[in-house]
Amino acid sequence: MEELKFVFKCFAATALLIVLMQVKVAGNSIESHSFRWLQKSTVSQYIQSAAAGGAMAIRNLGRSLGDGVASTVDGFQEGAHEKAIR
Protein backbone atom coordinates (compact mmCIF):
# COMPACT_ATOMS: atom_id res chain seq x y z
CA MET A 1 0.00 0.00 0.00
CA GLU A 2 2.91 2.33 0.72
CA GLU A 3 4.19 1.82 -2.83
CA LEU A 4 0.83 2.91 -4.27
CA LYS A 5 0.87 6.05 -2.12
CA PHE A 6 4.37 6.82 -3.38
CA VAL A 7 3.24 6.42 -7.01
CA PHE A 8 0.29 8.77 -6.45
CA LYS A 9 2.52 11.34 -4.72
CA CYS A 10 4.98 11.25 -7.62
CA PHE A 11 2.14 11.57 -10.13
CA ALA A 12 0.68 14.56 -8.26
CA ALA A 13 4.08 16.26 -8.00
CA THR A 14 4.75 15.71 -11.70
CA ALA A 15 1.32 17.00 -12.72
CA LEU A 16 1.81 20.10 -10.54
CA LEU A 17 5.24 20.74 -12.03
CA ILE A 18 3.88 20.43 -15.58
CA VAL A 19 1.08 22.91 -14.82
CA LEU A 20 3.47 25.39 -13.18
CA MET A 21 5.88 25.21 -16.13
CA GLN A 22 3.11 26.55 -18.40
CA VAL A 23 2.90 29.87 -16.52
CA LYS A 24 3.86 32.73 -18.83
CA VAL A 25 6.55 35.19 -17.80
CA ALA A 26 7.46 38.04 -20.18
CA GLY A 27 5.41 36.50 -22.98
CA ASN A 28 7.01 33.04 -22.82
CA SER A 29 6.27 30.06 -20.60
CA ILE A 30 8.68 29.03 -17.88
CA GLU A 31 9.16 25.82 -19.84
CA SER A 32 10.44 27.68 -22.91
CA HIS A 33 12.70 29.87 -20.73
CA SER A 34 14.23 26.83 -19.06
CA PHE A 35 14.58 24.99 -22.38
CA ARG A 36 16.40 27.97 -23.91
CA TRP A 37 18.63 28.25 -20.84
CA LEU A 38 19.52 24.56 -21.05
CA GLN A 39 20.47 24.89 -24.70
CA LYS A 40 22.70 27.92 -24.15
CA SER A 41 24.32 26.92 -20.86
CA THR A 42 28.04 26.23 -20.71
CA VAL A 43 27.51 22.72 -19.36
CA SER A 44 25.28 21.73 -22.26
CA GLN A 45 27.83 23.08 -24.73
CA TYR A 46 30.55 20.91 -23.16
CA ILE A 47 28.26 17.89 -23.25
CA GLN A 48 27.38 18.59 -26.89
CA SER A 49 31.04 18.85 -27.89
CA ALA A 50 31.87 15.63 -26.04
CA ALA A 51 28.97 13.85 -27.76
CA ALA A 52 30.11 15.14 -31.16
CA GLY A 53 33.63 13.88 -30.47
CA GLY A 54 32.29 10.49 -29.42
CA ALA A 55 30.15 10.24 -32.54
CA MET A 56 33.16 11.10 -34.70
CA ALA A 57 35.27 8.47 -32.93
CA ILE A 58 32.61 5.80 -33.47
CA ARG A 59 32.28 6.77 -37.16
CA ASN A 60 36.07 6.59 -37.64
CA LEU A 61 36.19 3.24 -35.86
CA GLY A 62 33.46 1.89 -38.14
CA ARG A 63 35.34 3.04 -41.24
CA SER A 64 38.61 1.55 -39.98
CA LEU A 65 36.97 -1.77 -39.20
CA GLY A 66 35.21 -1.80 -42.57
CA ASP A 67 38.46 -1.07 -44.41
CA GLY A 68 40.31 -3.72 -42.40
CA VAL A 69 37.69 -6.36 -43.10
CA ALA A 70 37.61 -5.45 -46.80
CA SER A 71 41.40 -5.71 -47.12
CA THR A 72 41.41 -9.03 -45.25
CA VAL A 73 38.71 -10.44 -47.52
CA ASP A 74 40.60 -9.21 -50.59
CA GLY A 75 43.78 -10.87 -49.28
CA PHE A 76 41.99 -14.19 -48.80
CA GLN A 77 40.49 -13.99 -52.27
CA GLU A 78 43.91 -13.27 -53.83
CA GLY A 79 45.45 -16.17 -51.92
CA ALA A 80 42.71 -18.53 -53.08
CA HIS A 81 43.14 -17.32 -56.67
CA GLU A 82 46.91 -18.00 -56.54
CA LYS A 83 46.30 -21.54 -55.19
CA ALA A 84 43.78 -22.23 -57.98
CA ILE A 85 46.32 -21.20 -60.62
CA ARG A 86 48.99 -23.61 -59.31
PDB file of N, CA and C in Angstrom:
ATOM      1  N   MET A   1       0.809  -1.187   0.000  1.00  0.00           N
ATOM      2  CA  MET A   1       0.000   0.000   0.000  1.00  0.00           C
ATOM      3  C   MET A   1       0.861   1.264   0.000  1.00  0.00           C
ATOM      4  N   GLU A   2       1.995   1.183   0.672  1.00  0.00           N
ATOM      5  CA  GLU A   2       2.909   2.326   0.718  1.00  0.00           C
ATOM      6  C   GLU A   2       3.436   2.644  -0.682  1.00  0.00           C
ATOM      7  N   GLU A   3       3.679   1.600  -1.477  1.00  0.00           N
ATOM      8  CA  GLU A   3       4.186   1.816  -2.834  1.00  0.00           C
ATOM      9  C   GLU A   3       3.165   2.573  -3.682  1.00  0.00           C
ATOM     10  N   LEU A   4       1.893   2.243  -3.513  1.00  0.00           N
ATOM     11  CA  LEU A   4       0.835   2.912  -4.268  1.00  0.00           C
ATOM     12  C   LEU A   4       0.732   4.387  -3.870  1.00  0.00           C
ATOM     13  N   LYS A   5       0.874   4.668  -2.574  1.00  0.00           N
ATOM     14  CA  LYS A   5       0.872   6.052  -2.118  1.00  0.00           C
ATOM     15  C   LYS A   5       2.040   6.824  -2.742  1.00  0.00           C
ATOM     16  N   PHE A   6       3.197   6.185  -2.790  1.00  0.00           N
ATOM     17  CA  PHE A   6       4.372   6.815  -3.381  1.00  0.00           C
ATOM     18  C   PHE A   6       4.134   7.136  -4.861  1.00  0.00           C
ATOM     19  N   VAL A   7       3.532   6.208  -5.585  1.00  0.00           N
ATOM     20  CA  VAL A   7       3.240   6.419  -7.009  1.00  0.00           C
ATOM     21  C   VAL A   7       2.284   7.593  -7.173  1.00  0.00           C
ATOM     22  N   PHE A   8       1.253   7.664  -6.348  1.00  0.00           N
ATOM     23  CA  PHE A   8       0.293   8.769  -6.445  1.00  0.00           C
ATOM     24  C   PHE A   8       0.942  10.111  -6.091  1.00  0.00           C
ATOM     25  N   LYS A   9       1.819  10.117  -5.084  1.00  0.00           N
ATOM     26  CA  LYS A   9       2.523  11.343  -4.720  1.00  0.00           C
ATOM     27  C   LYS A   9       3.407  11.812  -5.872  1.00  0.00           C
ATOM     28  N   CYS A  10       4.116  10.893  -6.482  1.00  0.00           N
ATOM     29  CA  CYS A  10       4.978  11.251  -7.618  1.00  0.00           C
ATOM     30  C   CYS A  10       4.149  11.763  -8.789  1.00  0.00           C
ATOM     31  N   PHE A  11       3.023  11.131  -9.048  1.00  0.00           N
ATOM     32  CA  PHE A  11       2.143  11.566 -10.131  1.00  0.00           C
ATOM     33  C   PHE A  11       1.632  12.980  -9.860  1.00  0.00           C
ATOM     34  N   ALA A  12       1.195  13.235  -8.616  1.00  0.00           N
ATOM     35  CA  ALA A  12       0.677  14.561  -8.255  1.00  0.00           C
ATOM     36  C   ALA A  12       1.776  15.617  -8.375  1.00  0.00           C
ATOM     37  N   ALA A  13       2.974  15.302  -7.914  1.00  0.00           N
ATOM     38  CA  ALA A  13       4.078  16.261  -7.999  1.00  0.00           C
ATOM     39  C   ALA A  13       4.432  16.551  -9.454  1.00  0.00           C
ATOM     40  N   THR A  14       4.442  15.526 -10.287  1.00  0.00           N
ATOM     41  CA  THR A  14       4.747  15.711 -11.702  1.00  0.00           C
ATOM     42  C   THR A  14       3.676  16.538 -12.390  1.00  0.00           C
ATOM     43  N   ALA A  15       2.416  16.243 -12.121  1.00  0.00           N
ATOM     44  CA  ALA A  15       1.324  17.004 -12.722  1.00  0.00           C
ATOM     45  C   ALA A  15       1.389  18.469 -12.296  1.00  0.00           C
ATOM     46  N   LEU A  16       1.692  18.734 -11.037  1.00  0.00           N
ATOM     47  CA  LEU A  16       1.811  20.105 -10.538  1.00  0.00           C
ATOM     48  C   LEU A  16       2.977  20.822 -11.225  1.00  0.00           C
ATOM     49  N   LEU A  17       4.084  20.149 -11.368  1.00  0.00           N
ATOM     50  CA  LEU A  17       5.239  20.738 -12.029  1.00  0.00           C
ATOM     51  C   LEU A  17       4.930  21.080 -13.486  1.00  0.00           C
ATOM     52  N   ILE A  18       4.240  20.186 -14.175  1.00  0.00           N
ATOM     53  CA  ILE A  18       3.878  20.430 -15.581  1.00  0.00           C
ATOM     54  C   ILE A  18       2.965  21.646 -15.691  1.00  0.00           C
ATOM     55  N   VAL A  19       1.995  21.761 -14.803  1.00  0.00           N
ATOM     56  CA  VAL A  19       1.075  22.905 -14.825  1.00  0.00           C
ATOM     57  C   VAL A  19       1.839  24.196 -14.530  1.00  0.00           C
ATOM     58  N   LEU A  20       2.718  24.189 -13.543  1.00  0.00           N
ATOM     59  CA  LEU A  20       3.466  25.394 -13.184  1.00  0.00           C
ATOM     60  C   LEU A  20       4.431  25.822 -14.294  1.00  0.00           C
ATOM     61  N   MET A  21       4.956  24.879 -15.045  1.00  0.00           N
ATOM     62  CA  MET A  21       5.882  25.212 -16.133  1.00  0.00           C
ATOM     63  C   MET A  21       5.181  25.934 -17.285  1.00  0.00           C
ATOM     64  N   GLN A  22       3.859  25.889 -17.324  1.00  0.00           N
ATOM     65  CA  GLN A  22       3.111  26.551 -18.397  1.00  0.00           C
ATOM     66  C   GLN A  22       2.783  28.007 -18.086  1.00  0.00           C
ATOM     67  N   VAL A  23       3.145  28.472 -16.892  1.00  0.00           N
ATOM     68  CA  VAL A  23       2.898  29.865 -16.519  1.00  0.00           C
ATOM     69  C   VAL A  23       3.762  30.770 -17.396  1.00  0.00           C
ATOM     70  N   LYS A  24       3.139  31.828 -17.930  1.00  0.00           N
ATOM     71  CA  LYS A  24       3.861  32.727 -18.833  1.00  0.00           C
ATOM     72  C   LYS A  24       4.521  33.860 -18.049  1.00  0.00           C
ATOM     73  N   VAL A  25       5.783  34.102 -18.377  1.00  0.00           N
ATOM     74  CA  VAL A  25       6.552  35.193 -17.800  1.00  0.00           C
ATOM     75  C   VAL A  25       7.189  35.930 -18.972  1.00  0.00           C
ATOM     76  N   ALA A  26       6.913  37.204 -19.094  1.00  0.00           N
ATOM     77  CA  ALA A  26       7.457  38.036 -20.179  1.00  0.00           C
ATOM     78  C   ALA A  26       7.101  37.474 -21.553  1.00  0.00           C
ATOM     79  N   GLY A  27       5.885  36.972 -21.679  1.00  0.00           N
ATOM     80  CA  GLY A  27       5.407  36.498 -22.978  1.00  0.00           C
ATOM     81  C   GLY A  27       5.752  35.070 -23.323  1.00  0.00           C
ATOM     82  N   ASN A  28       6.635  34.429 -22.571  1.00  0.00           N
ATOM     83  CA  ASN A  28       7.005  33.035 -22.817  1.00  0.00           C
ATOM     84  C   ASN A  28       6.768  32.213 -21.565  1.00  0.00           C
ATOM     85  N   SER A  29       6.501  30.933 -21.761  1.00  0.00           N
ATOM     86  CA  SER A  29       6.272  30.063 -20.605  1.00  0.00           C
ATOM     87  C   SER A  29       7.598  29.777 -19.900  1.00  0.00           C
ATOM     88  N   ILE A  30       7.491  29.383 -18.646  1.00  0.00           N
ATOM     89  CA  ILE A  30       8.682  29.025 -17.876  1.00  0.00           C
ATOM     90  C   ILE A  30       9.377  27.843 -18.549  1.00  0.00           C
ATOM     91  N   GLU A  31       8.598  26.967 -19.138  1.00  0.00           N
ATOM     92  CA  GLU A  31       9.156  25.815 -19.840  1.00  0.00           C
ATOM     93  C   GLU A  31      10.068  26.260 -20.983  1.00  0.00           C
ATOM     94  N   SER A  32       9.615  27.216 -21.786  1.00  0.00           N
ATOM     95  CA  SER A  32      10.442  27.676 -22.911  1.00  0.00           C
ATOM     96  C   SER A  32      11.676  28.425 -22.419  1.00  0.00           C
ATOM     97  N   HIS A  33      11.534  29.193 -21.323  1.00  0.00           N
ATOM     98  CA  HIS A  33      12.697  29.870 -20.735  1.00  0.00           C
ATOM     99  C   HIS A  33      13.738  28.846 -20.278  1.00  0.00           C
ATOM    100  N   SER A  34      13.292  27.822 -19.567  1.00  0.00           N
ATOM    101  CA  SER A  34      14.232  26.825 -19.060  1.00  0.00           C
ATOM    102  C   SER A  34      14.841  26.013 -20.202  1.00  0.00           C
ATOM    103  N   PHE A  35      14.066  25.728 -21.235  1.00  0.00           N
ATOM    104  CA  PHE A  35      14.583  24.988 -22.382  1.00  0.00           C
ATOM    105  C   PHE A  35      15.672  25.805 -23.082  1.00  0.00           C
ATOM    106  N   ARG A  36      15.410  27.089 -23.281  1.00  0.00           N
ATOM    107  CA  ARG A  36      16.395  27.966 -23.913  1.00  0.00           C
ATOM    108  C   ARG A  36      17.655  28.068 -23.058  1.00  0.00           C
ATOM    109  N   TRP A  37      17.485  28.175 -21.734  1.00  0.00           N
ATOM    110  CA  TRP A  37      18.634  28.249 -20.837  1.00  0.00           C
ATOM    111  C   TRP A  37      19.459  26.971 -20.904  1.00  0.00           C
ATOM    112  N   LEU A  38      18.792  25.825 -20.961  1.00  0.00           N
ATOM    113  CA  LEU A  38      19.520  24.560 -21.045  1.00  0.00           C
ATOM    114  C   LEU A  38      20.312  24.443 -22.343  1.00  0.00           C
ATOM    115  N   GLN A  39      19.772  24.955 -23.428  1.00  0.00           N
ATOM    116  CA  GLN A  39      20.473  24.894 -24.704  1.00  0.00           C
ATOM    117  C   GLN A  39      21.697  25.792 -24.734  1.00  0.00           C
ATOM    118  N   LYS A  40      21.620  26.941 -24.066  1.00  0.00           N
ATOM    119  CA  LYS A  40      22.702  27.919 -24.145  1.00  0.00           C
ATOM    120  C   LYS A  40      23.680  27.838 -22.978  1.00  0.00           C
ATOM    121  N   SER A  41      23.442  26.972 -22.025  1.00  0.00           N
ATOM    122  CA  SER A  41      24.322  26.915 -20.860  1.00  0.00           C
ATOM    123  C   SER A  41      25.681  26.331 -21.234  1.00  0.00           C
ATOM    124  N   THR A  42      26.675  26.690 -20.471  1.00  0.00           N
ATOM    125  CA  THR A  42      28.040  26.227 -20.715  1.00  0.00           C
ATOM    126  C   THR A  42      28.141  24.714 -20.567  1.00  0.00           C
ATOM    127  N   VAL A  43      27.466  24.168 -19.587  1.00  0.00           N
ATOM    128  CA  VAL A  43      27.512  22.723 -19.359  1.00  0.00           C
ATOM    129  C   VAL A  43      26.964  21.968 -20.568  1.00  0.00           C
ATOM    130  N   SER A  44      25.847  22.428 -21.109  1.00  0.00           N
ATOM    131  CA  SER A  44      25.280  21.726 -22.259  1.00  0.00           C
ATOM    132  C   SER A  44      26.174  21.844 -23.484  1.00  0.00           C
ATOM    133  N   GLN A  45      26.901  22.955 -23.617  1.00  0.00           N
ATOM    134  CA  GLN A  45      27.834  23.084 -24.731  1.00  0.00           C
ATOM    135  C   GLN A  45      28.991  22.105 -24.589  1.00  0.00           C
ATOM    136  N   TYR A  46      29.495  21.904 -23.381  1.00  0.00           N
ATOM    137  CA  TYR A  46      30.548  20.913 -23.157  1.00  0.00           C
ATOM    138  C   TYR A  46      30.045  19.504 -23.459  1.00  0.00           C
ATOM    139  N   ILE A  47      28.837  19.217 -23.007  1.00  0.00           N
ATOM    140  CA  ILE A  47      28.262  17.893 -23.252  1.00  0.00           C
ATOM    141  C   ILE A  47      28.059  17.671 -24.748  1.00  0.00           C
ATOM    142  N   GLN A  48      27.584  18.693 -25.446  1.00  0.00           N
ATOM    143  CA  GLN A  48      27.377  18.588 -26.885  1.00  0.00           C
ATOM    144  C   GLN A  48      28.697  18.345 -27.623  1.00  0.00           C
ATOM    145  N   SER A  49      29.751  19.044 -27.231  1.00  0.00           N
ATOM    146  CA  SER A  49      31.042  18.851 -27.892  1.00  0.00           C
ATOM    147  C   SER A  49      31.606  17.467 -27.598  1.00  0.00           C
ATOM    148  N   ALA A  50      31.417  16.980 -26.378  1.00  0.00           N
ATOM    149  CA  ALA A  50      31.871  15.626 -26.044  1.00  0.00           C
ATOM    150  C   ALA A  50      31.093  14.583 -26.834  1.00  0.00           C
ATOM    151  N   ALA A  51      29.792  14.791 -26.979  1.00  0.00           N
ATOM    152  CA  ALA A  51      28.974  13.851 -27.759  1.00  0.00           C
ATOM    153  C   ALA A  51      29.376  13.870 -29.226  1.00  0.00           C
ATOM    154  N   ALA A  52      29.675  15.050 -29.759  1.00  0.00           N
ATOM    155  CA  ALA A  52      30.109  15.144 -31.158  1.00  0.00           C
ATOM    156  C   ALA A  52      31.450  14.426 -31.350  1.00  0.00           C
ATOM    157  N   GLY A  53      32.355  14.579 -30.396  1.00  0.00           N
ATOM    158  CA  GLY A  53      33.634  13.879 -30.468  1.00  0.00           C
ATOM    159  C   GLY A  53      33.456  12.370 -30.386  1.00  0.00           C
ATOM    160  N   GLY A  54      32.562  11.923 -29.523  1.00  0.00           N
ATOM    161  CA  GLY A  54      32.286  10.485 -29.415  1.00  0.00           C
ATOM    162  C   GLY A  54      31.675   9.931 -30.688  1.00  0.00           C
ATOM    163  N   ALA A  55      30.765  10.690 -31.287  1.00  0.00           N
ATOM    164  CA  ALA A  55      30.154  10.243 -32.536  1.00  0.00           C
ATOM    165  C   ALA A  55      31.189  10.162 -33.646  1.00  0.00           C
ATOM    166  N   MET A  56      32.110  11.128 -33.690  1.00  0.00           N
ATOM    167  CA  MET A  56      33.159  11.105 -34.702  1.00  0.00           C
ATOM    168  C   MET A  56      34.091   9.905 -34.480  1.00  0.00           C
ATOM    169  N   ALA A  57      34.407   9.605 -33.236  1.00  0.00           N
ATOM    170  CA  ALA A  57      35.269   8.466 -32.933  1.00  0.00           C
ATOM    171  C   ALA A  57      34.604   7.153 -33.352  1.00  0.00           C
ATOM    172  N   ILE A  58      33.326   7.019 -33.090  1.00  0.00           N
ATOM    173  CA  ILE A  58      32.607   5.799 -33.474  1.00  0.00           C
ATOM    174  C   ILE A  58      32.550   5.682 -34.998  1.00  0.00           C
ATOM    175  N   ARG A  59      32.320   6.791 -35.691  1.00  0.00           N
ATOM    176  CA  ARG A  59      32.280   6.766 -37.158  1.00  0.00           C
ATOM    177  C   ARG A  59      33.642   6.369 -37.721  1.00  0.00           C
ATOM    178  N   ASN A  60      34.722   6.945 -37.178  1.00  0.00           N
ATOM    179  CA  ASN A  60      36.066   6.592 -37.642  1.00  0.00           C
ATOM    180  C   ASN A  60      36.393   5.134 -37.350  1.00  0.00           C
ATOM    181  N   LEU A  61      35.973   4.643 -36.203  1.00  0.00           N
ATOM    182  CA  LEU A  61      36.186   3.241 -35.858  1.00  0.00           C
ATOM    183  C   LEU A  61      35.461   2.333 -36.840  1.00  0.00           C
ATOM    184  N   GLY A  62      34.227   2.684 -37.179  1.00  0.00           N
ATOM    185  CA  GLY A  62      33.463   1.892 -38.138  1.00  0.00           C
ATOM    186  C   GLY A  62      34.130   1.855 -39.501  1.00  0.00           C
ATOM    187  N   ARG A  63      34.634   3.002 -39.946  1.00  0.00           N
ATOM    188  CA  ARG A  63      35.338   3.040 -41.236  1.00  0.00           C
ATOM    189  C   ARG A  63      36.599   2.197 -41.194  1.00  0.00           C
ATOM    190  N   SER A  64      37.366   2.313 -40.106  1.00  0.00           N
ATOM    191  CA  SER A  64      38.606   1.546 -39.985  1.00  0.00           C
ATOM    192  C   SER A  64      38.327   0.048 -39.983  1.00  0.00           C
ATOM    193  N   LEU A  65      37.322  -0.349 -39.228  1.00  0.00           N
ATOM    194  CA  LEU A  65      36.970  -1.772 -39.197  1.00  0.00           C
ATOM    195  C   LEU A  65      36.498  -2.251 -40.568  1.00  0.00           C
ATOM    196  N   GLY A  66      35.692  -1.437 -41.240  1.00  0.00           N
ATOM    197  CA  GLY A  66      35.213  -1.802 -42.573  1.00  0.00           C
ATOM    198  C   GLY A  66      36.355  -1.934 -43.568  1.00  0.00           C
ATOM    199  N   ASP A  67      37.304  -0.997 -43.518  1.00  0.00           N
ATOM    200  CA  ASP A  67      38.459  -1.066 -44.412  1.00  0.00           C
ATOM    201  C   ASP A  67      39.322  -2.278 -44.089  1.00  0.00           C
ATOM    202  N   GLY A  68      39.511  -2.559 -42.796  1.00  0.00           N
ATOM    203  CA  GLY A  68      40.312  -3.722 -42.401  1.00  0.00           C
ATOM    204  C   GLY A  68      39.688  -5.028 -42.847  1.00  0.00           C
ATOM    205  N   VAL A  69      38.390  -5.140 -42.683  1.00  0.00           N
ATOM    206  CA  VAL A  69      37.694  -6.358 -43.100  1.00  0.00           C
ATOM    207  C   VAL A  69      37.759  -6.495 -44.617  1.00  0.00           C
ATOM    208  N   ALA A  70      37.564  -5.401 -45.332  1.00  0.00           N
ATOM    209  CA  ALA A  70      37.606  -5.448 -46.797  1.00  0.00           C
ATOM    210  C   ALA A  70      38.986  -5.865 -47.288  1.00  0.00           C
ATOM    211  N   SER A  71      40.056  -5.332 -46.685  1.00  0.00           N
ATOM    212  CA  SER A  71      41.402  -5.707 -47.125  1.00  0.00           C
ATOM    213  C   SER A  71      41.708  -7.156 -46.766  1.00  0.00           C
ATOM    214  N   THR A  72      41.201  -7.624 -45.630  1.00  0.00           N
ATOM    215  CA  THR A  72      41.410  -9.025 -45.253  1.00  0.00           C
ATOM    216  C   THR A  72      40.690  -9.954 -46.215  1.00  0.00           C
ATOM    217  N   VAL A  73      39.474  -9.624 -46.572  1.00  0.00           N
ATOM    218  CA  VAL A  73      38.711 -10.440 -47.518  1.00  0.00           C
ATOM    219  C   VAL A  73      39.400 -10.442 -48.873  1.00  0.00           C
ATOM    220  N   ASP A  74      39.879  -9.280 -49.314  1.00  0.00           N
ATOM    221  CA  ASP A  74      40.595  -9.207 -50.590  1.00  0.00           C
ATOM    222  C   ASP A  74      41.855 -10.069 -50.554  1.00  0.00           C
ATOM    223  N   GLY A  75      42.572 -10.047 -49.424  1.00  0.00           N
ATOM    224  CA  GLY A  75      43.776 -10.866 -49.282  1.00  0.00           C
ATOM    225  C   GLY A  75      43.466 -12.348 -49.367  1.00  0.00           C
ATOM    226  N   PHE A  76      42.383 -12.786 -48.729  1.00  0.00           N
ATOM    227  CA  PHE A  76      41.991 -14.188 -48.800  1.00  0.00           C
ATOM    228  C   PHE A  76      41.605 -14.571 -50.219  1.00  0.00           C
ATOM    229  N   GLN A  77      40.911 -13.693 -50.903  1.00  0.00           N
ATOM    230  CA  GLN A  77      40.487 -13.993 -52.265  1.00  0.00           C
ATOM    231  C   GLN A  77      41.691 -14.078 -53.193  1.00  0.00           C
ATOM    232  N   GLU A  78      42.700 -13.211 -53.007  1.00  0.00           N
ATOM    233  CA  GLU A  78      43.907 -13.270 -53.835  1.00  0.00           C
ATOM    234  C   GLU A  78      44.674 -14.548 -53.559  1.00  0.00           C
ATOM    235  N   GLY A  79      44.754 -14.932 -52.288  1.00  0.00           N
ATOM    236  CA  GLY A  79      45.453 -16.173 -51.922  1.00  0.00           C
ATOM    237  C   GLY A  79      44.757 -17.382 -52.520  1.00  0.00           C
ATOM    238  N   ALA A  80      43.449 -17.420 -52.510  1.00  0.00           N
ATOM    239  CA  ALA A  80      42.707 -18.531 -53.085  1.00  0.00           C
ATOM    240  C   ALA A  80      42.883 -18.567 -54.597  1.00  0.00           C
ATOM    241  N   HIS A  81      42.960 -17.409 -55.223  1.00  0.00           N
ATOM    242  CA  HIS A  81      43.135 -17.318 -56.673  1.00  0.00           C
ATOM    243  C   HIS A  81      44.503 -17.869 -57.059  1.00  0.00           C
ATOM    244  N   GLU A  82      45.555 -17.519 -56.256  1.00  0.00           N
ATOM    245  CA  GLU A  82      46.909 -18.002 -56.541  1.00  0.00           C
ATOM    246  C   GLU A  82      46.987 -19.517 -56.379  1.00  0.00           C
ATOM    247  N   LYS A  83      46.302 -20.082 -55.385  1.00  0.00           N
ATOM    248  CA  LYS A  83      46.297 -21.541 -55.189  1.00  0.00           C
ATOM    249  C   LYS A  83      45.579 -22.222 -56.334  1.00  0.00           C
ATOM    250  N   ALA A  84      44.528 -21.624 -56.862  1.00  0.00           N
ATOM    251  CA  ALA A  84      43.779 -22.233 -57.979  1.00  0.00           C
ATOM    252  C   ALA A  84      44.613 -22.239 -59.249  1.00  0.00           C
ATOM    253  N   ILE A  85      45.483 -21.270 -59.424  1.00  0.00           N
ATOM    254  CA  ILE A  85      46.316 -21.195 -60.622  1.00  0.00           C
ATOM    255  C   ILE A  85      47.380 -22.292 -60.596  1.00  0.00           C
ATOM    256  N   ARG A  86      47.927 -22.610 -59.434  1.00  0.00           N
ATOM    257  CA  ARG A  86      48.985 -23.613 -59.314  1.00  0.00           C
ATOM    258  C   ARG A  86      48.438 -24.939 -59.602  1.00  0.00           C
TER     259      ARG A  86
END
